[in-house]
Amino acid sequence: MPLSSRLALCAVLALAAGGVAHASGAGFTITAEGKDLGKADETGEIPAYRLRLEVGQTVMFVSQGAAMPRGAAAQPAEADAAAWLFDDAAFQLVPHEKKNVDKTKTAVALKALKAGRTRVRFVGNVLGYDRKYDVIVEIVEAKK
């Protein structure tokens, strides 16, 4: 193989290897303001958190996009698409203040309406990665 072909092949391999070395992942962090969701159960197809609420309680769920460069700490990233899905028989959408809008976060405030078990699902896309997360919510009657 001529020297110029070998150099061209080496250049292509170096560029390909460099792309792999800088590859990254992306996802979302899911939180509930003032509540502890704990660690997600990742045994199923969709990671699931658990939360217990009383009828009448309001919770604000927040997702934040995260870019995860290989070999570096995760950094906030703006989502290309993001939505919270919930059962409107179990929850009422509550307006909330959007102070100091952070474009990396998507929030929804929900008021628990009736006792039972339900799911709140987050779906989003960040940096081309489609992600889904569930929060399994156990709603119980308010203590009297």
N, C-alpha and C. Protein backbone atom coordinates (compact mmCIF):
# COMPACT_ATOMS: atom_id res chain seq x y z
N MET A 1 0.86 -1.17 0.00
CA MET A 1 0.00 0.00 0.00
C MET A 1 0.90 1.23 0.00
N PRO A 2 0.67 2.19 -0.89
CA PRO A 2 1.50 3.39 -0.96
C PRO A 2 1.39 4.21 0.33
N LEU A 3 2.42 4.97 0.59
CA LEU A 3 2.51 5.78 1.80
C LEU A 3 1.33 6.76 1.91
N SER A 4 0.93 7.40 0.84
CA SER A 4 -0.17 8.36 0.89
C SER A 4 -1.49 7.68 1.28
N SER A 5 -1.71 6.44 0.82
CA SER A 5 -2.92 5.69 1.19
C SER A 5 -2.90 5.33 2.66
N ARG A 6 -1.72 4.93 3.15
CA ARG A 6 -1.60 4.58 4.57
C ARG A 6 -1.84 5.80 5.46
N LEU A 7 -1.31 6.96 5.04
CA LEU A 7 -1.53 8.18 5.82
C LEU A 7 -3.00 8.57 5.82
N ALA A 8 -3.66 8.43 4.68
CA ALA A 8 -5.08 8.75 4.60
C ALA A 8 -5.89 7.81 5.49
N LEU A 9 -5.53 6.51 5.48
CA LEU A 9 -6.21 5.53 6.32
C LEU A 9 -6.00 5.86 7.80
N CYS A 10 -4.79 6.22 8.18
CA CYS A 10 -4.50 6.59 9.57
C CYS A 10 -5.31 7.82 9.98
N ALA A 11 -5.44 8.80 9.09
CA ALA A 11 -6.19 10.00 9.40
C ALA A 11 -7.67 9.67 9.63
N VAL A 12 -8.23 8.81 8.79
CA VAL A 12 -9.63 8.41 8.94
C VAL A 12 -9.83 7.66 10.25
N LEU A 13 -8.92 6.74 10.58
CA LEU A 13 -9.03 5.99 11.84
C LEU A 13 -8.89 6.91 13.05
N ALA A 14 -8.00 7.89 12.97
CA ALA A 14 -7.82 8.82 14.08
C ALA A 14 -9.09 9.65 14.29
N LEU A 15 -9.70 10.10 13.21
CA LEU A 15 -10.94 10.87 13.33
C LEU A 15 -12.07 10.02 13.91
N ALA A 16 -12.16 8.78 13.46
CA ALA A 16 -13.20 7.88 13.98
C ALA A 16 -12.99 7.60 15.45
N ALA A 17 -11.75 7.34 15.85
CA ALA A 17 -11.45 7.07 17.25
C ALA A 17 -11.72 8.30 18.11
N GLY A 18 -11.39 9.49 17.59
CA GLY A 18 -11.65 10.73 18.31
C GLY A 18 -13.13 10.93 18.55
N GLY A 19 -13.96 10.60 17.56
CA GLY A 19 -15.40 10.72 17.71
C GLY A 19 -15.93 9.79 18.78
N VAL A 20 -15.40 8.58 18.86
CA VAL A 20 -15.82 7.63 19.89
C VAL A 20 -15.38 8.12 21.26
N ALA A 21 -14.19 8.68 21.37
CA ALA A 21 -13.67 9.14 22.65
C ALA A 21 -14.50 10.29 23.22
N HIS A 22 -15.10 11.09 22.34
CA HIS A 22 -15.88 12.23 22.80
C HIS A 22 -17.39 11.98 22.78
N ALA A 23 -17.79 10.73 22.54
CA ALA A 23 -19.22 10.40 22.50
C ALA A 23 -19.83 10.68 23.87
N SER A 24 -21.13 10.99 23.87
CA SER A 24 -21.78 11.30 25.13
C SER A 24 -23.15 10.65 25.18
N GLY A 25 -23.77 10.75 26.34
CA GLY A 25 -25.14 10.30 26.53
C GLY A 25 -25.94 11.49 27.03
N ALA A 26 -27.22 11.29 27.16
CA ALA A 26 -28.07 12.36 27.67
C ALA A 26 -29.30 11.74 28.31
N GLY A 27 -29.89 12.45 29.22
CA GLY A 27 -31.09 11.97 29.89
C GLY A 27 -31.71 13.10 30.68
N PHE A 28 -32.47 12.74 31.69
CA PHE A 28 -33.15 13.72 32.52
C PHE A 28 -33.01 13.32 33.98
N THR A 29 -33.00 14.31 34.85
CA THR A 29 -33.15 14.04 36.29
C THR A 29 -34.60 14.40 36.63
N ILE A 30 -35.22 13.56 37.44
CA ILE A 30 -36.62 13.75 37.82
C ILE A 30 -36.68 14.01 39.31
N THR A 31 -37.35 15.10 39.70
CA THR A 31 -37.49 15.43 41.12
C THR A 31 -38.93 15.86 41.41
N ALA A 32 -39.28 15.88 42.67
CA ALA A 32 -40.55 16.41 43.14
C ALA A 32 -40.20 17.39 44.26
N GLU A 33 -40.49 18.66 44.05
CA GLU A 33 -40.09 19.68 45.01
C GLU A 33 -40.64 19.38 46.40
N GLY A 34 -39.74 19.34 47.37
CA GLY A 34 -40.12 19.10 48.76
C GLY A 34 -40.42 17.64 49.09
N LYS A 35 -40.25 16.74 48.15
CA LYS A 35 -40.53 15.31 48.36
C LYS A 35 -39.30 14.51 47.98
N ASP A 36 -39.19 13.32 48.56
CA ASP A 36 -38.08 12.43 48.24
C ASP A 36 -38.60 11.30 47.36
N LEU A 37 -38.18 11.28 46.10
CA LEU A 37 -38.58 10.20 45.20
C LEU A 37 -37.69 8.97 45.35
N GLY A 38 -36.60 9.12 46.07
CA GLY A 38 -35.66 8.00 46.22
C GLY A 38 -34.97 7.70 44.90
N LYS A 39 -34.47 6.49 44.82
CA LYS A 39 -33.76 6.06 43.61
C LYS A 39 -34.75 5.35 42.69
N ALA A 40 -34.59 5.55 41.39
CA ALA A 40 -35.50 4.93 40.42
C ALA A 40 -35.30 3.42 40.38
N ASP A 41 -36.40 2.69 40.27
CA ASP A 41 -36.37 1.25 40.05
C ASP A 41 -36.16 1.06 38.55
N GLU A 42 -35.01 0.54 38.17
CA GLU A 42 -34.67 0.41 36.75
C GLU A 42 -34.76 -1.04 36.27
N THR A 43 -35.52 -1.88 36.97
CA THR A 43 -35.65 -3.28 36.56
C THR A 43 -36.57 -3.43 35.36
N GLY A 44 -37.49 -2.49 35.16
CA GLY A 44 -38.41 -2.54 34.02
C GLY A 44 -37.86 -1.79 32.84
N GLU A 45 -38.68 -1.70 31.81
CA GLU A 45 -38.28 -1.00 30.59
C GLU A 45 -38.17 0.51 30.82
N ILE A 46 -39.02 1.04 31.71
CA ILE A 46 -39.03 2.46 32.01
C ILE A 46 -38.67 2.66 33.48
N PRO A 47 -37.64 3.48 33.78
CA PRO A 47 -37.30 3.73 35.18
C PRO A 47 -38.51 4.30 35.92
N ALA A 48 -38.74 3.83 37.14
CA ALA A 48 -39.92 4.25 37.90
C ALA A 48 -39.54 4.67 39.32
N TYR A 49 -40.06 5.82 39.71
CA TYR A 49 -39.92 6.33 41.07
C TYR A 49 -41.24 6.08 41.80
N ARG A 50 -41.22 6.22 43.12
CA ARG A 50 -42.44 6.03 43.92
C ARG A 50 -42.64 7.24 44.83
N LEU A 51 -43.92 7.59 45.00
CA LEU A 51 -44.27 8.73 45.84
C LEU A 51 -45.62 8.46 46.49
N ARG A 52 -45.77 8.93 47.73
CA ARG A 52 -47.03 8.79 48.46
C ARG A 52 -47.54 10.20 48.75
N LEU A 53 -48.81 10.45 48.42
CA LEU A 53 -49.45 11.75 48.66
C LEU A 53 -50.78 11.53 49.35
N GLU A 54 -51.28 12.58 49.99
CA GLU A 54 -52.63 12.57 50.54
C GLU A 54 -53.54 13.34 49.59
N VAL A 55 -54.82 12.96 49.57
CA VAL A 55 -55.81 13.70 48.79
C VAL A 55 -55.74 15.16 49.20
N GLY A 56 -55.71 16.06 48.23
CA GLY A 56 -55.64 17.49 48.49
C GLY A 56 -54.23 18.05 48.45
N GLN A 57 -53.21 17.20 48.55
CA GLN A 57 -51.83 17.68 48.49
C GLN A 57 -51.45 18.04 47.06
N THR A 58 -50.59 19.04 46.95
CA THR A 58 -50.07 19.46 45.64
C THR A 58 -48.58 19.12 45.59
N VAL A 59 -48.15 18.65 44.44
CA VAL A 59 -46.74 18.32 44.24
C VAL A 59 -46.30 18.93 42.91
N MET A 60 -45.06 19.41 42.88
CA MET A 60 -44.50 19.92 41.63
C MET A 60 -43.40 18.97 41.17
N PHE A 61 -43.65 18.34 40.03
CA PHE A 61 -42.65 17.47 39.41
C PHE A 61 -41.80 18.31 38.48
N VAL A 62 -40.49 18.07 38.51
CA VAL A 62 -39.55 18.83 37.68
C VAL A 62 -38.61 17.85 36.98
N SER A 63 -38.46 18.04 35.68
CA SER A 63 -37.45 17.28 34.93
C SER A 63 -36.39 18.28 34.48
N GLN A 64 -35.15 17.83 34.48
CA GLN A 64 -34.07 18.68 33.98
C GLN A 64 -33.23 17.87 33.02
N GLY A 65 -33.07 18.40 31.81
CA GLY A 65 -32.22 17.75 30.82
C GLY A 65 -30.78 17.72 31.29
N ALA A 66 -30.08 16.64 30.92
CA ALA A 66 -28.67 16.50 31.33
C ALA A 66 -27.87 15.89 30.20
N ALA A 67 -26.78 16.56 29.85
CA ALA A 67 -25.82 16.02 28.88
C ALA A 67 -24.70 15.37 29.69
N MET A 68 -24.33 14.16 29.29
CA MET A 68 -23.32 13.42 30.03
C MET A 68 -22.11 13.12 29.15
N PRO A 69 -21.18 14.08 29.06
CA PRO A 69 -19.99 13.84 28.26
C PRO A 69 -19.16 12.70 28.86
N ARG A 70 -18.60 11.89 28.02
CA ARG A 70 -17.79 10.78 28.50
C ARG A 70 -16.60 11.34 29.28
N GLY A 71 -16.43 10.83 30.50
CA GLY A 71 -15.31 11.22 31.33
C GLY A 71 -15.49 12.54 32.05
N ALA A 72 -16.69 13.11 32.02
CA ALA A 72 -16.93 14.38 32.69
C ALA A 72 -18.27 14.32 33.43
N ALA A 73 -18.47 15.27 34.31
CA ALA A 73 -19.72 15.32 35.08
C ALA A 73 -20.87 15.75 34.17
N ALA A 74 -22.08 15.30 34.52
CA ALA A 74 -23.27 15.69 33.76
C ALA A 74 -23.47 17.20 33.87
N GLN A 75 -23.98 17.79 32.78
CA GLN A 75 -24.22 19.22 32.75
C GLN A 75 -25.65 19.47 32.27
N PRO A 76 -26.31 20.51 32.80
CA PRO A 76 -27.68 20.81 32.36
C PRO A 76 -27.74 21.03 30.85
N ALA A 77 -28.84 20.55 30.23
CA ALA A 77 -29.03 20.71 28.79
C ALA A 77 -30.50 20.98 28.51
N GLU A 78 -30.78 21.83 27.54
CA GLU A 78 -32.16 22.15 27.17
C GLU A 78 -32.76 20.98 26.40
N ALA A 79 -33.97 20.61 26.77
CA ALA A 79 -34.68 19.52 26.10
C ALA A 79 -35.18 19.97 24.73
N ASP A 80 -35.14 19.06 23.76
CA ASP A 80 -35.73 19.33 22.45
C ASP A 80 -37.25 19.18 22.53
N ALA A 81 -37.71 18.29 23.38
CA ALA A 81 -39.15 18.07 23.61
C ALA A 81 -39.31 17.55 25.03
N ALA A 82 -40.41 17.92 25.70
CA ALA A 82 -40.64 17.46 27.07
C ALA A 82 -42.12 17.62 27.41
N ALA A 83 -42.68 16.58 28.08
CA ALA A 83 -44.09 16.65 28.48
C ALA A 83 -44.32 15.75 29.69
N TRP A 84 -45.20 16.20 30.57
CA TRP A 84 -45.67 15.41 31.70
C TRP A 84 -47.07 14.91 31.37
N LEU A 85 -47.31 13.61 31.54
CA LEU A 85 -48.61 13.00 31.27
C LEU A 85 -49.18 12.45 32.56
N PHE A 86 -50.48 12.67 32.79
CA PHE A 86 -51.09 12.21 34.04
C PHE A 86 -52.58 11.97 33.83
N ASP A 87 -53.19 11.23 34.76
CA ASP A 87 -54.62 10.92 34.73
C ASP A 87 -55.37 12.11 35.32
N ASP A 88 -56.20 12.78 34.50
CA ASP A 88 -56.89 13.97 35.01
C ASP A 88 -58.05 13.62 35.94
N ALA A 89 -58.35 12.34 36.12
CA ALA A 89 -59.33 11.94 37.13
C ALA A 89 -58.65 11.86 38.50
N ALA A 90 -57.33 11.64 38.51
CA ALA A 90 -56.58 11.52 39.76
C ALA A 90 -55.92 12.83 40.18
N PHE A 91 -55.61 13.69 39.20
CA PHE A 91 -54.90 14.94 39.48
C PHE A 91 -55.56 16.11 38.79
N GLN A 92 -55.42 17.28 39.42
CA GLN A 92 -55.83 18.54 38.82
C GLN A 92 -54.57 19.33 38.53
N LEU A 93 -54.45 19.86 37.32
CA LEU A 93 -53.33 20.71 36.96
C LEU A 93 -53.45 22.03 37.69
N VAL A 94 -52.38 22.43 38.37
CA VAL A 94 -52.38 23.66 39.17
C VAL A 94 -51.41 24.64 38.53
N PRO A 95 -51.86 25.88 38.27
CA PRO A 95 -50.93 26.88 37.73
C PRO A 95 -49.81 27.14 38.74
N HIS A 96 -48.61 27.36 38.24
CA HIS A 96 -47.49 27.66 39.13
C HIS A 96 -46.67 28.81 38.55
N GLU A 97 -46.00 29.52 39.46
CA GLU A 97 -45.16 30.64 39.05
C GLU A 97 -43.91 30.13 38.35
N LYS A 98 -43.54 30.79 37.29
CA LYS A 98 -42.33 30.44 36.58
C LYS A 98 -41.30 31.54 36.84
N LYS A 99 -40.68 31.48 38.02
CA LYS A 99 -39.69 32.48 38.37
C LYS A 99 -38.33 32.07 37.83
N ASN A 100 -37.60 33.03 37.30
CA ASN A 100 -36.27 32.78 36.75
C ASN A 100 -36.29 31.54 35.84
N VAL A 101 -37.01 31.62 34.76
CA VAL A 101 -37.21 30.47 33.86
C VAL A 101 -35.88 29.85 33.46
N ASP A 102 -35.74 28.58 33.78
CA ASP A 102 -34.55 27.80 33.42
C ASP A 102 -34.98 26.89 32.27
N LYS A 103 -34.44 27.14 31.09
CA LYS A 103 -34.87 26.40 29.89
C LYS A 103 -34.45 24.94 29.92
N THR A 104 -33.65 24.53 30.90
CA THR A 104 -33.27 23.12 30.99
C THR A 104 -34.29 22.32 31.80
N LYS A 105 -35.28 23.03 32.41
CA LYS A 105 -36.25 22.36 33.28
C LYS A 105 -37.67 22.44 32.70
N THR A 106 -38.44 21.38 32.97
CA THR A 106 -39.87 21.34 32.63
C THR A 106 -40.61 20.93 33.89
N ALA A 107 -41.54 21.76 34.32
CA ALA A 107 -42.24 21.50 35.58
C ALA A 107 -43.74 21.40 35.38
N VAL A 108 -44.38 20.65 36.28
CA VAL A 108 -45.83 20.56 36.31
C VAL A 108 -46.25 20.45 37.77
N ALA A 109 -47.28 21.23 38.15
CA ALA A 109 -47.81 21.17 39.51
C ALA A 109 -49.16 20.46 39.45
N LEU A 110 -49.32 19.44 40.30
CA LEU A 110 -50.53 18.62 40.30
C LEU A 110 -51.10 18.51 41.70
N LYS A 111 -52.43 18.58 41.80
CA LYS A 111 -53.12 18.41 43.08
C LYS A 111 -53.82 17.06 43.05
N ALA A 112 -53.58 16.24 44.09
CA ALA A 112 -54.19 14.91 44.18
C ALA A 112 -55.68 15.06 44.48
N LEU A 113 -56.52 14.39 43.67
CA LEU A 113 -57.97 14.52 43.80
C LEU A 113 -58.64 13.35 44.49
N LYS A 114 -58.18 12.13 44.25
CA LYS A 114 -58.85 10.96 44.83
C LYS A 114 -57.85 9.88 45.17
N ALA A 115 -58.22 9.07 46.15
CA ALA A 115 -57.33 8.00 46.62
C ALA A 115 -57.20 6.92 45.55
N GLY A 116 -56.03 6.28 45.53
CA GLY A 116 -55.76 5.20 44.60
C GLY A 116 -54.33 5.25 44.11
N ARG A 117 -53.99 4.31 43.26
CA ARG A 117 -52.65 4.26 42.68
C ARG A 117 -52.73 4.73 41.23
N THR A 118 -51.82 5.61 40.86
CA THR A 118 -51.79 6.15 39.51
C THR A 118 -50.35 6.38 39.07
N ARG A 119 -50.20 6.75 37.82
CA ARG A 119 -48.86 6.97 37.28
C ARG A 119 -48.80 8.35 36.65
N VAL A 120 -47.68 9.04 36.89
CA VAL A 120 -47.36 10.27 36.20
C VAL A 120 -46.14 9.94 35.35
N ARG A 121 -46.22 10.20 34.05
CA ARG A 121 -45.12 9.84 33.14
C ARG A 121 -44.51 11.10 32.55
N PHE A 122 -43.19 11.09 32.51
CA PHE A 122 -42.46 12.14 31.80
C PHE A 122 -41.89 11.54 30.53
N VAL A 123 -42.06 12.23 29.41
CA VAL A 123 -41.45 11.83 28.15
C VAL A 123 -40.67 13.02 27.62
N GLY A 124 -39.49 12.77 27.14
CA GLY A 124 -38.69 13.87 26.63
C GLY A 124 -37.60 13.42 25.69
N ASN A 125 -37.04 14.39 25.00
CA ASN A 125 -35.93 14.16 24.09
C ASN A 125 -34.90 15.24 24.37
N VAL A 126 -33.68 14.80 24.61
CA VAL A 126 -32.58 15.73 24.81
C VAL A 126 -31.38 15.22 24.01
N LEU A 127 -30.83 16.10 23.19
CA LEU A 127 -29.68 15.78 22.34
C LEU A 127 -29.90 14.53 21.49
N GLY A 128 -31.15 14.32 21.06
CA GLY A 128 -31.47 13.19 20.21
C GLY A 128 -31.79 11.90 20.95
N TYR A 129 -31.75 11.91 22.26
CA TYR A 129 -32.05 10.72 23.07
C TYR A 129 -33.49 10.80 23.59
N ASP A 130 -34.34 9.86 23.19
CA ASP A 130 -35.71 9.78 23.72
C ASP A 130 -35.67 9.08 25.07
N ARG A 131 -36.33 9.66 26.06
CA ARG A 131 -36.35 9.09 27.40
C ARG A 131 -37.76 9.12 27.97
N LYS A 132 -38.07 8.12 28.82
CA LYS A 132 -39.33 8.05 29.55
C LYS A 132 -39.03 7.73 31.00
N TYR A 133 -39.80 8.31 31.90
CA TYR A 133 -39.68 8.04 33.33
C TYR A 133 -41.09 8.01 33.91
N ASP A 134 -41.33 7.12 34.85
CA ASP A 134 -42.62 7.03 35.53
C ASP A 134 -42.45 7.40 37.00
N VAL A 135 -43.48 8.01 37.56
CA VAL A 135 -43.58 8.18 39.00
C VAL A 135 -44.89 7.49 39.39
N ILE A 136 -44.77 6.39 40.13
CA ILE A 136 -45.94 5.67 40.60
C ILE A 136 -46.38 6.37 41.89
N VAL A 137 -47.60 6.90 41.87
CA VAL A 137 -48.09 7.70 42.99
C VAL A 137 -49.21 6.95 43.72
N GLU A 138 -49.00 6.75 45.01
CA GLU A 138 -50.02 6.18 45.87
C GLU A 138 -50.70 7.34 46.58
N ILE A 139 -51.98 7.58 46.25
CA ILE A 139 -52.73 8.67 46.87
C ILE A 139 -53.63 8.07 47.95
N VAL A 140 -53.49 8.57 49.17
CA VAL A 140 -54.27 8.05 50.30
C VAL A 140 -55.17 9.16 50.83
N GLU A 141 -56.23 8.75 51.53
CA GLU A 141 -57.14 9.72 52.14
C GLU A 141 -56.37 10.56 53.16
N ALA A 142 -56.72 11.83 53.26
CA ALA A 142 -56.07 12.74 54.20
C ALA A 142 -56.36 12.30 55.63
N LYS A 143 -55.35 12.42 56.50
CA LYS A 143 -55.52 12.07 57.92
C LYS A 143 -56.38 13.13 58.57
N LYS A 144 -57.29 12.67 59.44
CA LYS A 144 -58.19 13.61 60.11
C LYS A 144 -57.86 13.76 61.56
